C-alpha cells in the first residue's frame, strides 16, 4: 500500500514545529561550556532529580525543583532567562 505524499501545509507545519523546538532547546555543549566557566552562564540550570539527590551533589549554580514542585515554584523562576533542566544521566 503506497502512502500519500505530504501536503504543503503538513510540510510547513512540520518545519515550523522543528524550527520552534530547535530555538527553544539549549544545546548540551553550551551548557557544559557555561558550567566549566568557558561561556556565559546566562540561563537558570534546573535540577529535577529530587531534593535528596541534589543534596548529595549537583552542578554548582543549579536550582532544585522536583517535577512535583514545578507547578508551585514556577513563579520563582526569572522571566528573562532561559530555563535548562537536567536529571539523571545514562551516559
PDB file of N, CA and C in Angstrom:
ATOM      1  N   UNK A   1       0.836  -1.165   0.000  1.00  0.00           N
ATOM      2  CA  UNK A   1       0.000   0.000   0.000  1.00  0.00           C
ATOM      3  C   UNK A   1       0.890   1.240   0.000  1.00  0.00           C
ATOM      4  N   UNK A   2       0.754   2.078  -0.969  1.00  0.00           N
ATOM      5  CA  UNK A   2       1.562   3.287  -1.079  1.00  0.00           C
ATOM      6  C   UNK A   2       0.994   4.375  -0.180  1.00  0.00           C
ATOM      7  N   UNK A   3       1.896   5.129   0.453  1.00  0.00           N
ATOM      8  CA  UNK A   3       1.414   6.214   1.314  1.00  0.00           C
ATOM      9  C   UNK A   3       1.262   7.487   0.483  1.00  0.00           C
ATOM     10  N   UNK A   4       0.358   8.324   0.909  1.00  0.00           N
ATOM     11  CA  UNK A   4       0.109   9.588   0.219  1.00  0.00           C
ATOM     12  C   UNK A   4       1.231  10.564   0.528  1.00  0.00           C
ATOM     13  N   UNK A   5       1.501  11.442  -0.398  1.00  0.00           N
ATOM     14  CA  UNK A   5       2.523  12.466  -0.202  1.00  0.00           C
ATOM     15  C   UNK A   5       2.018  13.489   0.804  1.00  0.00           C
ATOM     16  N   UNK A   6       2.943  14.113   1.491  1.00  0.00           N
ATOM     17  CA  UNK A   6       2.576  15.179   2.436  1.00  0.00           C
ATOM     18  C   UNK A   6       2.127  16.413   1.675  1.00  0.00           C
ATOM     19  N   UNK A   7       1.144  17.067   2.219  1.00  0.00           N
ATOM     20  CA  UNK A   7       0.656  18.303   1.603  1.00  0.00           C
ATOM     21  C   UNK A   7       1.600  19.449   1.958  1.00  0.00           C
ATOM     22  N   UNK A   8       1.598  20.524   1.195  1.00  0.00           N
ATOM     23  CA  UNK A   8       2.426  21.685   1.533  1.00  0.00           C
ATOM     24  C   UNK A   8       2.131  22.216   2.940  1.00  0.00           C
ATOM     25  N   UNK A   9       0.880  22.158   3.382  1.00  0.00           N
ATOM     26  CA  UNK A   9       0.537  22.620   4.735  1.00  0.00           C
ATOM     27  C   UNK A   9       1.155  21.722   5.802  1.00  0.00           C
ATOM     28  N   UNK A  10       1.157  20.412   5.562  1.00  0.00           N
ATOM     29  CA  UNK A  10       1.771  19.483   6.519  1.00  0.00           C
ATOM     30  C   UNK A  10       3.279  19.679   6.576  1.00  0.00           C
ATOM     31  N   UNK A  11       3.898  19.883   5.449  1.00  0.00           N
ATOM     32  CA  UNK A  11       5.346  20.128   5.406  1.00  0.00           C
ATOM     33  C   UNK A  11       5.676  21.421   6.146  1.00  0.00           C
ATOM     34  N   UNK A  12       4.914  22.465   5.907  1.00  0.00           N
ATOM     35  CA  UNK A  12       5.122  23.756   6.566  1.00  0.00           C
ATOM     36  C   UNK A  12       4.928  23.623   8.085  1.00  0.00           C
ATOM     37  N   UNK A  13       3.898  22.885   8.491  1.00  0.00           N
ATOM     38  CA  UNK A  13       3.638  22.687   9.923  1.00  0.00           C
ATOM     39  C   UNK A  13       4.793  21.942  10.585  1.00  0.00           C
ATOM     40  N   UNK A  14       5.319  20.917   9.929  1.00  0.00           N
ATOM     41  CA  UNK A  14       6.473  20.186  10.466  1.00  0.00           C
ATOM     42  C   UNK A  14       7.699  21.082  10.548  1.00  0.00           C
ATOM     43  N   UNK A  15       7.941  21.846   9.511  1.00  0.00           N
ATOM     44  CA  UNK A  15       9.092  22.763   9.512  1.00  0.00           C
ATOM     45  C   UNK A  15       8.971  23.765  10.647  1.00  0.00           C
ATOM     46  N   UNK A  16       7.795  24.353  10.819  1.00  0.00           N
ATOM     47  CA  UNK A  16       7.580  25.341  11.874  1.00  0.00           C
ATOM     48  C   UNK A  16       7.754  24.718  13.262  1.00  0.00           C
ATOM     49  N   UNK A  17       7.258  23.497  13.430  1.00  0.00           N
ATOM     50  CA  UNK A  17       7.384  22.803  14.711  1.00  0.00           C
ATOM     51  C   UNK A  17       8.851  22.604  15.071  1.00  0.00           C
ATOM     52  N   UNK A  18       9.636  22.064  14.144  1.00  0.00           N
ATOM     53  CA  UNK A  18      11.034  21.782  14.445  1.00  0.00           C
ATOM     54  C   UNK A  18      11.866  23.054  14.563  1.00  0.00           C
ATOM     55  N   UNK A  19      11.543  24.091  13.824  1.00  0.00           N
ATOM     56  CA  UNK A  19      12.245  25.368  13.966  1.00  0.00           C
ATOM     57  C   UNK A  19      12.012  25.934  15.365  1.00  0.00           C
ATOM     58  N   UNK A  20      10.787  25.880  15.844  1.00  0.00           N
ATOM     59  CA  UNK A  20      10.474  26.375  17.191  1.00  0.00           C
ATOM     60  C   UNK A  20      11.147  25.510  18.261  1.00  0.00           C
ATOM     61  N   UNK A  21      11.154  24.205  18.049  1.00  0.00           N
ATOM     62  CA  UNK A  21      11.783  23.284  19.006  1.00  0.00           C
ATOM     63  C   UNK A  21      13.278  23.554  19.100  1.00  0.00           C
ATOM     64  N   UNK A  22      13.949  23.717  17.978  1.00  0.00           N
ATOM     65  CA  UNK A  22      15.387  23.995  17.993  1.00  0.00           C
ATOM     66  C   UNK A  22      15.693  25.334  18.654  1.00  0.00           C
ATOM     67  N   UNK A  23      14.857  26.312  18.416  1.00  0.00           N
ATOM     68  CA  UNK A  23      15.063  27.628  19.013  1.00  0.00           C
ATOM     69  C   UNK A  23      14.916  27.555  20.529  1.00  0.00           C
ATOM     70  N   UNK A  24      14.030  26.707  21.025  1.00  0.00           N
ATOM     71  CA  UNK A  24      13.736  26.626  22.449  1.00  0.00           C
ATOM     72  C   UNK A  24      14.728  25.772  23.226  1.00  0.00           C
ATOM     73  N   UNK A  25      15.442  24.899  22.566  1.00  0.00           N
ATOM     74  CA  UNK A  25      16.330  23.975  23.273  1.00  0.00           C
ATOM     75  C   UNK A  25      17.751  24.500  23.337  1.00  0.00           C
ATOM     76  N   UNK A  26      18.324  24.434  24.511  1.00  0.00           N
ATOM     77  CA  UNK A  26      19.711  24.812  24.717  1.00  0.00           C
ATOM     78  C   UNK A  26      20.564  23.607  24.324  1.00  0.00           C
ATOM     79  N   UNK A  27      21.592  23.864  23.584  1.00  0.00           N
ATOM     80  CA  UNK A  27      22.470  22.779  23.186  1.00  0.00           C
ATOM     81  C   UNK A  27      23.319  22.317  24.368  1.00  0.00           C
ATOM     82  N   UNK A  28      23.499  21.037  24.513  1.00  0.00           N
ATOM     83  CA  UNK A  28      24.252  20.448  25.620  1.00  0.00           C
ATOM     84  C   UNK A  28      25.641  21.074  25.732  1.00  0.00           C
ATOM     85  N   UNK A  29      26.298  21.269  24.628  1.00  0.00           N
ATOM     86  CA  UNK A  29      27.657  21.826  24.657  1.00  0.00           C
ATOM     87  C   UNK A  29      27.669  23.242  25.220  1.00  0.00           C
ATOM     88  N   UNK A  30      26.638  24.038  24.945  1.00  0.00           N
ATOM     89  CA  UNK A  30      26.535  25.388  25.509  1.00  0.00           C
ATOM     90  C   UNK A  30      26.464  25.328  27.031  1.00  0.00           C
ATOM     91  N   UNK A  31      25.700  24.375  27.542  1.00  0.00           N
ATOM     92  CA  UNK A  31      25.548  24.226  28.985  1.00  0.00           C
ATOM     93  C   UNK A  31      26.868  23.768  29.606  1.00  0.00           C
ATOM     94  N   UNK A  32      27.506  22.780  29.015  1.00  0.00           N
ATOM     95  CA  UNK A  32      28.770  22.257  29.538  1.00  0.00           C
ATOM     96  C   UNK A  32      29.822  23.369  29.578  1.00  0.00           C
ATOM     97  N   UNK A  33      29.925  24.146  28.523  1.00  0.00           N
ATOM     98  CA  UNK A  33      30.899  25.239  28.489  1.00  0.00           C
ATOM     99  C   UNK A  33      30.611  26.276  29.574  1.00  0.00           C
ATOM    100  N   UNK A  34      29.360  26.585  29.807  1.00  0.00           N
ATOM    101  CA  UNK A  34      28.998  27.562  30.847  1.00  0.00           C
ATOM    102  C   UNK A  34      29.342  27.024  32.234  1.00  0.00           C
ATOM    103  N   UNK A  35      29.027  25.757  32.481  1.00  0.00           N
ATOM    104  CA  UNK A  35      29.316  25.156  33.779  1.00  0.00           C
ATOM    105  C   UNK A  35      30.820  25.125  34.033  1.00  0.00           C
ATOM    106  N   UNK A  36      31.611  24.911  32.989  1.00  0.00           N
ATOM    107  CA  UNK A  36      33.072  24.900  33.116  1.00  0.00           C
ATOM    108  C   UNK A  36      33.653  26.306  33.235  1.00  0.00           C
ATOM    109  N   UNK A  37      32.816  27.330  33.052  1.00  0.00           N
ATOM    110  CA  UNK A  37      33.302  28.709  33.122  1.00  0.00           C
ATOM    111  C   UNK A  37      33.881  29.212  31.819  1.00  0.00           C
ATOM    112  N   UNK A  38      33.651  28.507  30.737  1.00  0.00           N
ATOM    113  CA  UNK A  38      34.195  28.875  29.429  1.00  0.00           C
ATOM    114  C   UNK A  38      33.231  29.721  28.603  1.00  0.00           C
ATOM    115  N   UNK A  39      32.027  29.917  29.095  1.00  0.00           N
ATOM    116  CA  UNK A  39      30.998  30.682  28.376  1.00  0.00           C
ATOM    117  C   UNK A  39      30.085  31.316  29.423  1.00  0.00           C
ATOM    118  N   UNK A  40      29.320  32.318  29.025  1.00  0.00           N
ATOM    119  CA  UNK A  40      28.414  32.948  29.999  1.00  0.00           C
ATOM    120  C   UNK A  40      27.375  31.978  30.547  1.00  0.00           C
ATOM    121  N   UNK A  41      27.073  32.128  31.813  1.00  0.00           N
ATOM    122  CA  UNK A  41      26.051  31.324  32.486  1.00  0.00           C
ATOM    123  C   UNK A  41      24.794  32.186  32.497  1.00  0.00           C
ATOM    124  N   UNK A  42      24.182  32.335  31.322  1.00  0.00           N
ATOM    125  CA  UNK A  42      23.057  33.263  31.152  1.00  0.00           C
ATOM    126  C   UNK A  42      21.707  32.543  31.120  1.00  0.00           C
ATOM    127  N   UNK A  43      21.596  31.507  31.917  1.00  0.00           N
ATOM    128  CA  UNK A  43      20.370  30.718  31.986  1.00  0.00           C
ATOM    129  C   UNK A  43      20.234  30.178  33.403  1.00  0.00           C
ATOM    130  N   UNK A  44      19.055  29.681  33.738  1.00  0.00           N
ATOM    131  CA  UNK A  44      18.832  29.017  35.015  1.00  0.00           C
ATOM    132  C   UNK A  44      18.955  27.522  34.777  1.00  0.00           C
ATOM    133  N   UNK A  45      19.827  26.882  35.526  1.00  0.00           N
ATOM    134  CA  UNK A  45      20.010  25.442  35.424  1.00  0.00           C
ATOM    135  C   UNK A  45      19.140  24.797  36.494  1.00  0.00           C
ATOM    136  N   UNK A  46      18.187  24.007  36.074  1.00  0.00           N
ATOM    137  CA  UNK A  46      17.179  23.452  36.967  1.00  0.00           C
ATOM    138  C   UNK A  46      17.368  21.942  37.099  1.00  0.00           C
ATOM    139  N   UNK A  47      17.739  21.507  38.285  1.00  0.00           N
ATOM    140  CA  UNK A  47      17.948  20.087  38.597  1.00  0.00           C
ATOM    141  C   UNK A  47      16.608  19.507  39.036  1.00  0.00           C
ATOM    142  N   UNK A  48      16.099  18.536  38.313  1.00  0.00           N
ATOM    143  CA  UNK A  48      14.786  17.954  38.618  1.00  0.00           C
ATOM    144  C   UNK A  48      14.893  16.536  39.187  1.00  0.00           C
ATOM    145  N   UNK A  49      16.069  16.160  39.679  1.00  0.00           N
ATOM    146  CA  UNK A  49      16.269  14.794  40.169  1.00  0.00           C
ATOM    147  C   UNK A  49      15.602  14.523  41.506  1.00  0.00           C
ATOM    148  N   UNK A  50      15.400  15.520  42.313  1.00  0.00           N
ATOM    149  CA  UNK A  50      14.849  15.329  43.651  1.00  0.00           C
ATOM    150  C   UNK A  50      15.768  15.951  44.686  1.00  0.00           C
ATOM    151  N   UNK A  51      15.197  16.286  45.817  1.00  0.00           N
ATOM    152  CA  UNK A  51      15.947  17.007  46.850  1.00  0.00           C
ATOM    153  C   UNK A  51      17.100  16.187  47.441  1.00  0.00           C
ATOM    154  N   UNK A  52      16.905  14.898  47.650  1.00  0.00           N
ATOM    155  CA  UNK A  52      17.974  14.071  48.220  1.00  0.00           C
ATOM    156  C   UNK A  52      19.152  13.950  47.259  1.00  0.00           C
ATOM    157  N   UNK A  53      18.871  13.693  46.009  1.00  0.00           N
ATOM    158  CA  UNK A  53      19.944  13.604  45.013  1.00  0.00           C
ATOM    159  C   UNK A  53      20.672  14.946  44.897  1.00  0.00           C
ATOM    160  N   UNK A  54      19.921  16.042  44.904  1.00  0.00           N
ATOM    161  CA  UNK A  54      20.508  17.382  44.831  1.00  0.00           C
ATOM    162  C   UNK A  54      21.432  17.618  46.025  1.00  0.00           C
ATOM    163  N   UNK A  55      20.980  17.242  47.222  1.00  0.00           N
ATOM    164  CA  UNK A  55      21.781  17.431  48.433  1.00  0.00           C
ATOM    165  C   UNK A  55      23.066  16.610  48.396  1.00  0.00           C
ATOM    166  N   UNK A  56      23.035  15.468  47.727  1.00  0.00           N
ATOM    167  CA  UNK A  56      24.211  14.605  47.635  1.00  0.00           C
ATOM    168  C   UNK A  56      25.216  15.064  46.584  1.00  0.00           C
ATOM    169  N   UNK A  57      24.845  16.030  45.776  1.00  0.00           N
ATOM    170  CA  UNK A  57      25.755  16.564  44.763  1.00  0.00           C
ATOM    171  C   UNK A  57      24.993  17.095  43.574  1.00  0.00           C
ATOM    172  N   UNK A  58      25.408  18.258  43.099  1.00  0.00           N
ATOM    173  CA  UNK A  58      24.743  18.886  41.955  1.00  0.00           C
ATOM    174  C   UNK A  58      25.714  19.823  41.258  1.00  0.00           C
ATOM    175  N   UNK A  59      25.335  20.282  40.107  1.00  0.00           N
ATOM    176  CA  UNK A  59      26.146  21.232  39.353  1.00  0.00           C
ATOM    177  C   UNK A  59      26.080  22.583  40.070  1.00  0.00           C
ATOM    178  N   UNK A  60      27.234  23.184  40.369  1.00  0.00           N
ATOM    179  CA  UNK A  60      27.224  24.477  41.059  1.00  0.00           C
ATOM    180  C   UNK A  60      26.366  25.507  40.312  1.00  0.00           C
ATOM    181  N   UNK A  61      25.537  26.194  41.065  1.00  0.00           N
ATOM    182  CA  UNK A  61      24.661  27.214  40.485  1.00  0.00           C
ATOM    183  C   UNK A  61      23.289  26.701  40.100  1.00  0.00           C
ATOM    184  N   UNK A  62      23.097  25.387  40.156  1.00  0.00           N
ATOM    185  CA  UNK A  62      21.798  24.816  39.777  1.00  0.00           C
ATOM    186  C   UNK A  62      20.765  25.072  40.861  1.00  0.00           C
ATOM    187  N   UNK A  63      19.522  25.174  40.438  1.00  0.00           N
ATOM    188  CA  UNK A  63      18.388  25.271  41.346  1.00  0.00           C
ATOM    189  C   UNK A  63      17.767  23.879  41.418  1.00  0.00           C
ATOM    190  N   UNK A  64      17.111  23.562  42.519  1.00  0.00           N
ATOM    191  CA  UNK A  64      16.469  22.259  42.662  1.00  0.00           C
ATOM    192  C   UNK A  64      14.955  22.426  42.736  1.00  0.00           C
ATOM    193  N   UNK A  65      14.263  21.935  41.735  1.00  0.00           N
ATOM    194  CA  UNK A  65      12.804  21.824  41.741  1.00  0.00           C
ATOM    195  C   UNK A  65      12.491  20.409  41.293  1.00  0.00           C
ATOM    196  N   UNK A  66      11.796  19.663  42.114  1.00  0.00           N
ATOM    197  CA  UNK A  66      11.352  18.350  41.651  1.00  0.00           C
ATOM    198  C   UNK A  66      10.216  18.568  40.662  1.00  0.00           C
ATOM    199  N   UNK A  67       9.899  17.562  39.912  1.00  0.00           N
ATOM    200  CA  UNK A  67       8.798  17.686  38.958  1.00  0.00           C
ATOM    201  C   UNK A  67       7.499  18.034  39.668  1.00  0.00           C
ATOM    202  N   UNK A  68       7.329  17.534  40.884  1.00  0.00           N
ATOM    203  CA  UNK A  68       6.123  17.852  41.656  1.00  0.00           C
ATOM    204  C   UNK A  68       6.106  19.309  42.125  1.00  0.00           C
ATOM    205  N   UNK A  69       7.287  19.901  42.314  1.00  0.00           N
ATOM    206  CA  UNK A  69       7.407  21.293  42.794  1.00  0.00           C
ATOM    207  C   UNK A  69       7.211  22.332  41.703  1.00  0.00           C
ATOM    208  N   UNK A  70       7.429  21.962  40.470  1.00  0.00           N
ATOM    209  CA  UNK A  70       7.491  22.954  39.400  1.00  0.00           C
ATOM    210  C   UNK A  70       6.229  23.798  39.318  1.00  0.00           C
ATOM    211  N   UNK A  71       5.079  23.197  39.424  1.00  0.00           N
ATOM    212  CA  UNK A  71       3.834  23.962  39.299  1.00  0.00           C
ATOM    213  C   UNK A  71       3.743  25.066  40.356  1.00  0.00           C
ATOM    214  N   UNK A  72       4.103  24.756  41.609  1.00  0.00           N
ATOM    215  CA  UNK A  72       4.026  25.746  42.668  1.00  0.00           C
ATOM    216  C   UNK A  72       5.212  26.720  42.643  1.00  0.00           C
ATOM    217  N   UNK A  73       6.366  26.274  42.180  1.00  0.00           N
ATOM    218  CA  UNK A  73       7.585  27.068  42.267  1.00  0.00           C
ATOM    219  C   UNK A  73       7.909  27.861  40.997  1.00  0.00           C
ATOM    220  N   UNK A  74       7.166  27.661  39.950  1.00  0.00           N
ATOM    221  CA  UNK A  74       7.475  28.305  38.670  1.00  0.00           C
ATOM    222  C   UNK A  74       7.522  29.824  38.774  1.00  0.00           C
ATOM    223  N   UNK A  75       6.761  30.399  39.677  1.00  0.00           N
ATOM    224  CA  UNK A  75       6.754  31.860  39.818  1.00  0.00           C
ATOM    225  C   UNK A  75       8.083  32.387  40.349  1.00  0.00           C
ATOM    226  N   UNK A  76       8.915  31.539  40.945  1.00  0.00           N
ATOM    227  CA  UNK A  76      10.228  31.937  41.458  1.00  0.00           C
ATOM    228  C   UNK A  76      11.267  32.031  40.349  1.00  0.00           C
ATOM    229  N   UNK A  77      10.987  31.444  39.199  1.00  0.00           N
ATOM    230  CA  UNK A  77      11.946  31.451  38.093  1.00  0.00           C
ATOM    231  C   UNK A  77      11.964  32.816  37.411  1.00  0.00           C
ATOM    232  N   UNK A  78      13.147  33.327  37.094  1.00  0.00           N
ATOM    233  CA  UNK A  78      13.212  34.628  36.427  1.00  0.00           C
ATOM    234  C   UNK A  78      12.628  34.561  35.022  1.00  0.00           C
ATOM    235  N   UNK A  79      11.836  35.552  34.676  1.00  0.00           N
ATOM    236  CA  UNK A  79      11.161  35.556  33.376  1.00  0.00           C
ATOM    237  C   UNK A  79      12.113  35.851  32.225  1.00  0.00           C
ATOM    238  N   UNK A  80      13.176  36.568  32.473  1.00  0.00           N
ATOM    239  CA  UNK A  80      14.063  36.973  31.388  1.00  0.00           C
ATOM    240  C   UNK A  80      15.176  35.999  31.065  1.00  0.00           C
ATOM    241  N   UNK A  81      15.192  34.835  31.718  1.00  0.00           N
ATOM    242  CA  UNK A  81      16.274  33.879  31.476  1.00  0.00           C
ATOM    243  C   UNK A  81      15.738  32.561  30.934  1.00  0.00           C
ATOM    244  N   UNK A  82      16.540  31.947  30.114  1.00  0.00           N
ATOM    245  CA  UNK A  82      16.217  30.623  29.591  1.00  0.00           C
ATOM    246  C   UNK A  82      16.321  29.609  30.726  1.00  0.00           C
ATOM    247  N   UNK A  83      15.441  28.631  30.731  1.00  0.00           N
ATOM    248  CA  UNK A  83      15.444  27.571  31.745  1.00  0.00           C
ATOM    249  C   UNK A  83      15.981  26.302  31.099  1.00  0.00           C
ATOM    250  N   UNK A  84      17.023  25.735  31.703  1.00  0.00           N
ATOM    251  CA  UNK A  84      17.620  24.483  31.224  1.00  0.00           C
ATOM    252  C   UNK A  84      17.474  23.456  32.335  1.00  0.00           C
ATOM    253  N   UNK A  85      16.853  22.333  32.029  1.00  0.00           N
ATOM    254  CA  UNK A  85      16.651  21.298  33.036  1.00  0.00           C
ATOM    255  C   UNK A  85      17.625  20.157  32.840  1.00  0.00           C
ATOM    256  N   UNK A  86      17.910  19.479  33.958  1.00  0.00           N
ATOM    257  CA  UNK A  86      18.665  18.229  33.856  1.00  0.00           C
ATOM    258  C   UNK A  86      18.170  17.273  34.932  1.00  0.00           C
ATOM    259  N   UNK A  87      18.406  15.979  34.663  1.00  0.00           N
ATOM    260  CA  UNK A  87      18.012  14.937  35.604  1.00  0.00           C
ATOM    261  C   UNK A  87      19.069  13.852  35.533  1.00  0.00           C
ATOM    262  N   UNK A  88      18.710  12.653  35.861  1.00  0.00           N
ATOM    263  CA  UNK A  88      19.677  11.546  35.834  1.00  0.00           C
ATOM    264  C   UNK A  88      20.187  11.306  34.432  1.00  0.00           C
ATOM    265  N   UNK A  89      21.449  10.982  34.341  1.00  0.00           N
ATOM    266  CA  UNK A  89      22.064  10.702  33.037  1.00  0.00           C
ATOM    267  C   UNK A  89      22.353   9.221  32.914  1.00  0.00           C
ATOM    268  N   UNK A  90      22.243   8.732  31.716  1.00  0.00           N
ATOM    269  CA  UNK A  90      22.560   7.324  31.456  1.00  0.00           C
ATOM    270  C   UNK A  90      23.729   7.221  30.494  1.00  0.00           C
ATOM    271  N   UNK A  91      24.573   8.255  30.436  1.00  0.00           N
ATOM    272  CA  UNK A  91      25.746   8.256  29.520  1.00  0.00           C
ATOM    273  C   UNK A  91      26.798   7.293  30.007  1.00  0.00           C
TER     274      UNK A  91
END
